[in-house]
Protein backbone atom coordinates (compact mmCIF):
# COMPACT_ATOMS: atom_id res chain seq x y z
CA UNK A 1 -74.28 -9.57 241.65
CA UNK A 2 -71.44 -9.21 244.04
CA UNK A 3 -70.48 -6.25 245.80
CA UNK A 4 -67.21 -6.11 243.75
CA UNK A 5 -69.10 -6.40 240.48
CA UNK A 6 -71.52 -3.63 241.53
CA UNK A 7 -68.47 -1.42 242.21
CA UNK A 8 -66.77 -2.10 238.88
CA UNK A 9 -70.00 -1.28 236.97
CA UNK A 10 -70.20 2.10 238.96
CA UNK A 11 -66.63 2.65 237.97
CA UNK A 12 -67.27 2.02 234.27
CA UNK A 13 -70.25 4.32 234.35
CA UNK A 14 -68.14 7.18 235.81
CA UNK A 15 -65.38 6.56 233.31
CA UNK A 16 -67.89 6.69 230.57
CA UNK A 17 -69.44 9.76 231.75
CA UNK A 18 -65.97 11.54 232.19
CA UNK A 19 -64.95 10.46 228.57
CA UNK A 20 -68.10 12.09 227.34
CA UNK A 21 -67.52 15.25 228.94
CA UNK A 22 -63.79 15.35 227.95
CA UNK A 23 -64.76 14.60 224.50
CA UNK A 24 -67.50 17.06 223.96
CA UNK A 25 -65.50 20.26 224.00
CA UNK A 26 -63.17 19.13 221.22
CA UNK A 27 -66.31 17.84 219.14
CA UNK A 28 -67.70 21.37 219.90
CA UNK A 29 -64.62 23.20 218.84
CA UNK A 30 -64.46 21.31 215.55
CA UNK A 31 -68.02 22.10 214.77
CA UNK A 32 -67.67 25.73 215.66
CA UNK A 33 -64.47 26.68 213.86
CA UNK A 34 -65.23 30.10 212.22
CA UNK A 35 -66.03 30.19 208.53
CA UNK A 36 -65.73 33.14 206.01
CA UNK A 37 -68.77 34.80 205.14
CA UNK A 38 -70.05 34.04 201.55
CA UNK A 39 -68.37 37.09 200.18
CA UNK A 40 -64.99 36.16 200.95
CA UNK A 41 -62.97 34.47 197.89
CA UNK A 42 -59.71 33.02 197.32
CA UNK A 43 -57.88 35.55 195.17
CA UNK A 44 -56.78 32.71 192.75
CA UNK A 45 -60.46 32.12 191.95
CA UNK A 46 -60.76 35.92 190.62
CA UNK A 47 -57.25 36.09 189.15
CA UNK A 48 -54.97 33.18 188.97
CA UNK A 49 -52.13 35.27 187.47
CA UNK A 50 -51.26 37.43 190.60
CA UNK A 51 -48.27 35.91 192.23
CA UNK A 52 -48.63 34.74 195.85
CA UNK A 53 -45.89 34.68 198.44
CA UNK A 54 -47.72 34.35 201.68
CA UNK A 55 -45.02 35.15 204.04
CA UNK A 56 -46.77 34.53 207.41
CA UNK A 57 -47.14 30.77 206.48
CA UNK A 58 -43.11 30.87 206.39
CA UNK A 59 -40.61 31.66 209.06
CA UNK A 60 -39.32 34.67 207.02
CA UNK A 61 -41.30 37.26 208.88
CA UNK A 62 -40.34 39.54 211.90
CA UNK A 63 -41.50 36.88 214.33
CA UNK A 64 -39.34 34.21 212.80
CA UNK A 65 -42.15 31.32 212.58
CA UNK A 66 -45.24 30.45 210.97
CA UNK A 67 -47.93 32.74 212.27
CA UNK A 68 -51.07 31.13 213.92
CA UNK A 69 -54.06 30.83 211.76
CA UNK A 70 -52.14 30.49 208.70
CA UNK A 71 -52.76 26.97 207.23
CA UNK A 72 -52.22 27.21 203.63
CA UNK A 73 -50.58 29.47 201.22
CA UNK A 74 -53.78 31.21 200.22
CA UNK A 75 -54.76 34.65 199.73
CA UNK A 76 -58.41 35.34 201.05
CA UNK A 77 -60.39 38.79 200.47
CA UNK A 78 -63.83 40.06 200.25
CA UNK A 79 -64.83 39.99 196.66
CA UNK A 80 -64.91 43.49 195.88
CA UNK A 81 -61.18 43.78 196.91
CA UNK A 82 -60.28 40.78 194.80
CA UNK A 83 -62.02 42.12 191.87
CA UNK A 84 -60.18 45.51 192.26
CA UNK A 85 -56.87 43.64 192.16
CA UNK A 86 -57.91 41.92 189.26
CA UNK A 87 -58.56 45.21 187.44
CA UNK A 88 -55.16 46.45 188.65
CA UNK A 89 -53.49 43.45 187.37
CA UNK A 90 -54.93 43.58 184.07
CA UNK A 91 -53.73 47.21 183.78
CA UNK A 92 -50.00 45.91 185.06
CA UNK A 93 -49.96 43.10 182.57
CA UNK A 94 -50.18 45.27 179.65
CA UNK A 95 -46.88 47.03 180.91
CA UNK A 96 -44.91 43.87 181.71
CA UNK A 97 -45.54 43.72 185.31
CA UNK A 98 -47.33 41.55 187.77
CA UNK A 99 -48.84 42.13 191.27
CA UNK A 100 -47.41 40.00 193.99
CA UNK A 101 -49.37 39.58 197.42
CA UNK A 102 -47.46 39.14 200.71
CA UNK A 103 -50.61 39.05 202.94
CA UNK A 104 -54.45 39.43 202.62
CA UNK A 105 -56.96 38.58 205.03
CA UNK A 106 -55.31 38.11 208.44
CA UNK A 107 -57.23 36.16 211.28
CA UNK A 108 -57.35 37.97 214.63
CA UNK A 109 -55.42 34.87 216.24
CA UNK A 110 -52.43 35.93 214.04
CA UNK A 111 -52.75 39.48 215.28
CA UNK A 112 -52.67 38.11 218.84
CA UNK A 113 -49.61 36.04 218.02
CA UNK A 114 -47.96 39.40 216.92
CA UNK A 115 -48.90 41.04 220.21
CA UNK A 116 -47.50 38.06 222.17
CA UNK A 117 -44.23 38.20 220.24
CA UNK A 118 -43.91 42.19 220.79
CA UNK A 119 -44.43 41.82 224.53
CA UNK A 120 -41.64 39.16 224.92
CA UNK A 121 -38.51 41.65 224.79
CA UNK A 122 -36.10 38.60 224.87
CA UNK A 123 -37.30 37.47 221.48
CA UNK A 124 -35.35 39.47 218.92
CA UNK A 125 -34.15 36.75 216.63
CA UNK A 126 -35.27 38.80 213.41
CA UNK A 127 -34.26 42.30 214.40
CA UNK A 128 -31.22 42.62 212.21
CA UNK A 129 -33.51 42.22 209.23
CA UNK A 130 -37.06 43.64 210.07
CA UNK A 131 -36.32 46.41 212.71
CA UNK A 132 -32.58 47.06 213.02
CA UNK A 133 -33.13 50.72 214.00
CA UNK A 134 -36.27 50.36 216.21
CA UNK A 135 -35.97 49.30 219.89
CA UNK A 136 -38.55 46.46 220.55
CA UNK A 137 -39.94 48.24 223.43
CA UNK A 138 -41.29 51.14 221.03
CA UNK A 139 -43.33 48.72 218.63
CA UNK A 140 -46.46 49.57 220.23
CA UNK A 141 -45.87 53.20 220.63
CA UNK A 142 -44.54 53.60 217.10
CA UNK A 143 -47.43 51.82 215.81
CA UNK A 144 -45.77 48.94 214.28
CA UNK A 145 -47.83 46.42 216.13
CA UNK A 146 -51.44 46.81 217.41
CA UNK A 147 -54.11 44.65 218.93
CA UNK A 148 -56.32 45.15 215.95
CA UNK A 149 -55.38 45.19 212.19
CA UNK A 150 -57.54 46.08 209.22
CA UNK A 151 -56.44 42.86 207.44
CA UNK A 152 -58.69 40.97 209.70
CA UNK A 153 -61.70 42.87 208.19
CA UNK A 154 -60.89 41.04 204.73
CA UNK A 155 -60.27 44.06 202.40
CA UNK A 156 -56.61 44.85 203.11
CA UNK A 157 -53.77 43.47 201.17
CA UNK A 158 -50.01 43.86 201.46
CA UNK A 159 -48.44 43.67 198.15
CA UNK A 160 -45.76 45.02 195.56
CA UNK A 161 -45.00 44.74 191.98
CA UNK A 162 -42.64 42.22 189.98
CA UNK A 163 -41.29 42.62 186.45
CA UNK A 164 -41.97 39.88 183.99
CA UNK A 165 -40.91 37.21 183.60
CA UNK A 166 -40.90 36.73 187.31
CA UNK A 167 -37.66 35.32 188.70
CA UNK A 168 -38.00 33.00 191.68
CA UNK A 169 -37.29 34.28 195.09
CA UNK A 170 -34.69 32.31 196.98
CA UNK A 171 -36.09 30.55 199.96
CA UNK A 172 -35.26 31.71 203.41
CA UNK A 173 -33.41 29.28 205.75
CA UNK A 174 -33.91 29.99 209.43
CA UNK A 175 -30.44 31.01 210.99
CA UNK A 176 -29.03 32.36 207.88
CA UNK A 177 -27.25 35.91 208.27
CA UNK A 178 -29.90 38.80 208.27
CA UNK A 179 -29.28 42.14 206.46
CA UNK A 180 -31.28 45.29 207.28
CA UNK A 181 -34.49 45.74 205.29
CA UNK A 182 -33.31 49.01 204.02
CA UNK A 183 -29.97 48.15 202.73
CA UNK A 184 -29.47 48.37 199.02
CA UNK A 185 -31.57 46.00 196.95
CA UNK A 186 -28.43 43.87 196.03
CA UNK A 187 -27.59 43.34 199.64
CA UNK A 188 -30.99 42.76 201.37
CA UNK A 189 -32.81 39.60 201.35
CA UNK A 190 -33.35 38.92 197.65
CA UNK A 191 -37.06 39.43 196.35
CA UNK A 192 -38.34 39.41 192.86
CA UNK A 193 -40.16 42.79 193.48
CA UNK A 194 -39.03 45.81 191.69
CA UNK A 195 -36.93 47.97 193.88
CA UNK A 196 -39.16 49.81 196.45
CA UNK A 197 -36.37 51.17 198.55
CA UNK A 198 -37.11 48.86 201.47
CA UNK A 199 -38.13 44.91 201.92
CA UNK A 200 -41.67 43.99 202.97
CA UNK A 201 -42.54 44.57 206.72
CA UNK A 202 -39.68 46.83 207.22
CA UNK A 203 -40.32 48.63 210.53
CA UNK A 204 -38.59 51.80 209.64
CA UNK A 205 -39.77 55.41 208.57
CA UNK A 206 -37.90 54.61 205.37
CA UNK A 207 -41.16 52.33 204.55
CA UNK A 208 -43.43 55.45 204.56
CA UNK A 209 -44.56 55.75 200.93
CA UNK A 210 -43.40 59.17 200.36
CA UNK A 211 -40.27 59.30 202.66
CA UNK A 212 -38.17 62.03 201.20
CA UNK A 213 -35.03 59.81 201.48
CA UNK A 214 -36.61 57.37 198.91
CA UNK A 215 -36.16 59.00 195.47
CA UNK A 216 -35.45 58.15 191.77
CA UNK A 217 -36.37 54.73 190.64
CA UNK A 218 -37.34 53.65 194.06
CA UNK A 219 -39.76 56.32 194.44
CA UNK A 220 -41.03 55.85 190.79
CA UNK A 221 -41.75 52.38 191.63
CA UNK A 222 -43.68 53.08 194.70
CA UNK A 223 -45.70 55.52 192.82
CA UNK A 224 -46.48 53.23 190.09
CA UNK A 225 -47.85 50.72 192.79
CA UNK A 226 -49.75 53.56 194.68
CA UNK A 227 -51.31 55.03 191.63
CA UNK A 228 -52.23 51.71 190.23
CA UNK A 229 -53.91 50.82 193.33
CA UNK A 230 -55.70 53.86 194.08
CA UNK A 231 -57.13 54.13 190.50
CA UNK A 232 -59.13 50.88 191.40
CA UNK A 233 -60.20 51.92 194.74
CA UNK A 234 -57.62 50.64 197.07
CA UNK A 235 -56.35 53.25 199.39
CA UNK A 236 -52.56 53.40 200.37
CA UNK A 237 -51.60 53.63 204.24
CA UNK A 238 -48.88 56.24 204.32
CA UNK A 239 -46.65 54.38 206.70
CA UNK A 240 -46.35 51.27 204.42
CA UNK A 241 -45.67 51.43 200.90
CA UNK A 242 -47.08 47.91 200.45
CA UNK A 243 -50.39 48.34 202.52
CA UNK A 244 -53.58 49.06 200.71
CA UNK A 245 -57.33 48.80 201.81
CA UNK A 246 -60.46 48.55 199.39
CA UNK A 247 -62.83 51.48 199.91
CA UNK A 248 -65.72 51.22 200.89
CA UNK A 249 -64.96 48.34 203.24
CA UNK A 250 -67.63 45.66 203.13
CA UNK A 251 -66.90 44.97 206.95
CA UNK A 252 -65.50 48.30 208.25
CA UNK A 253 -66.22 47.20 211.82
CA UNK A 254 -65.90 43.37 211.82
CA UNK A 255 -62.67 41.51 212.85
CA UNK A 256 -62.72 37.90 211.64
CA UNK A 257 -60.84 35.00 213.04
CA UNK A 258 -61.49 32.18 210.57
CA UNK A 259 -58.23 30.39 209.51
CA UNK A 260 -56.31 31.07 206.23
CA UNK A 261 -57.50 27.74 204.54
CA UNK A 262 -59.55 26.44 201.79
CA UNK A 263 -61.75 24.80 204.36
CA UNK A 264 -62.68 28.36 205.71
CA UNK A 265 -64.40 29.08 202.40
CA UNK A 266 -66.24 25.83 202.10
CA UNK A 267 -69.70 24.85 203.31
CA UNK A 268 -70.38 28.66 204.19
CA UNK A 269 -74.02 29.15 205.13
């Protein structure tokens, strides 16, 4: 064998080793993508009648883009939380209403995305709708953004009530004019929810469930949601009329990071 051939063989061996080292992490990542525990379920498998409008899979949210970790329009919850929603839905259907969920389980990577966005003070593309009266420098101090979310524990849900038959919600198109989330229902972004006084994810004290400025039909609608949820074990967060947590939580101290996808619920061990 010539000296040149020996050198070529050595180079080929080195390249093969480098390729193996480079490929290994990708393979390892694919194999170690976190999965949901066995007692997490797709809400549709428990109650297919509940309407799902998963906002963080779309650009119609306070960040203005799809949020990390949301791969499919899917509500995932712990089974006890999903079964409680089914019980609430059964009660509302008798009255001509349906629940509609905006967000359910939320991976930690999504929360991290929120934090990065909140720290970028130059990105205020969605301010006119979602936080028109709040300075972005105050989002952490005022509690609108945090480094951990109860949603990541799997038993918290953001939801509203829709009058049946449900009217379709007009899709949001990035760049369209934005209207404050606390504007009258006929002016703010159209949503087939009954009038709750603000839109979903409205960073404003008007979103407090019992804010004294919210009266009449709007207050009655909030109380219908609150009372229905709390009757089945879902407790309201007073600062957000749409936010409820099943109690007792199966995972009160665990923050999960598996993606929102069917694959996260398949092949669990």
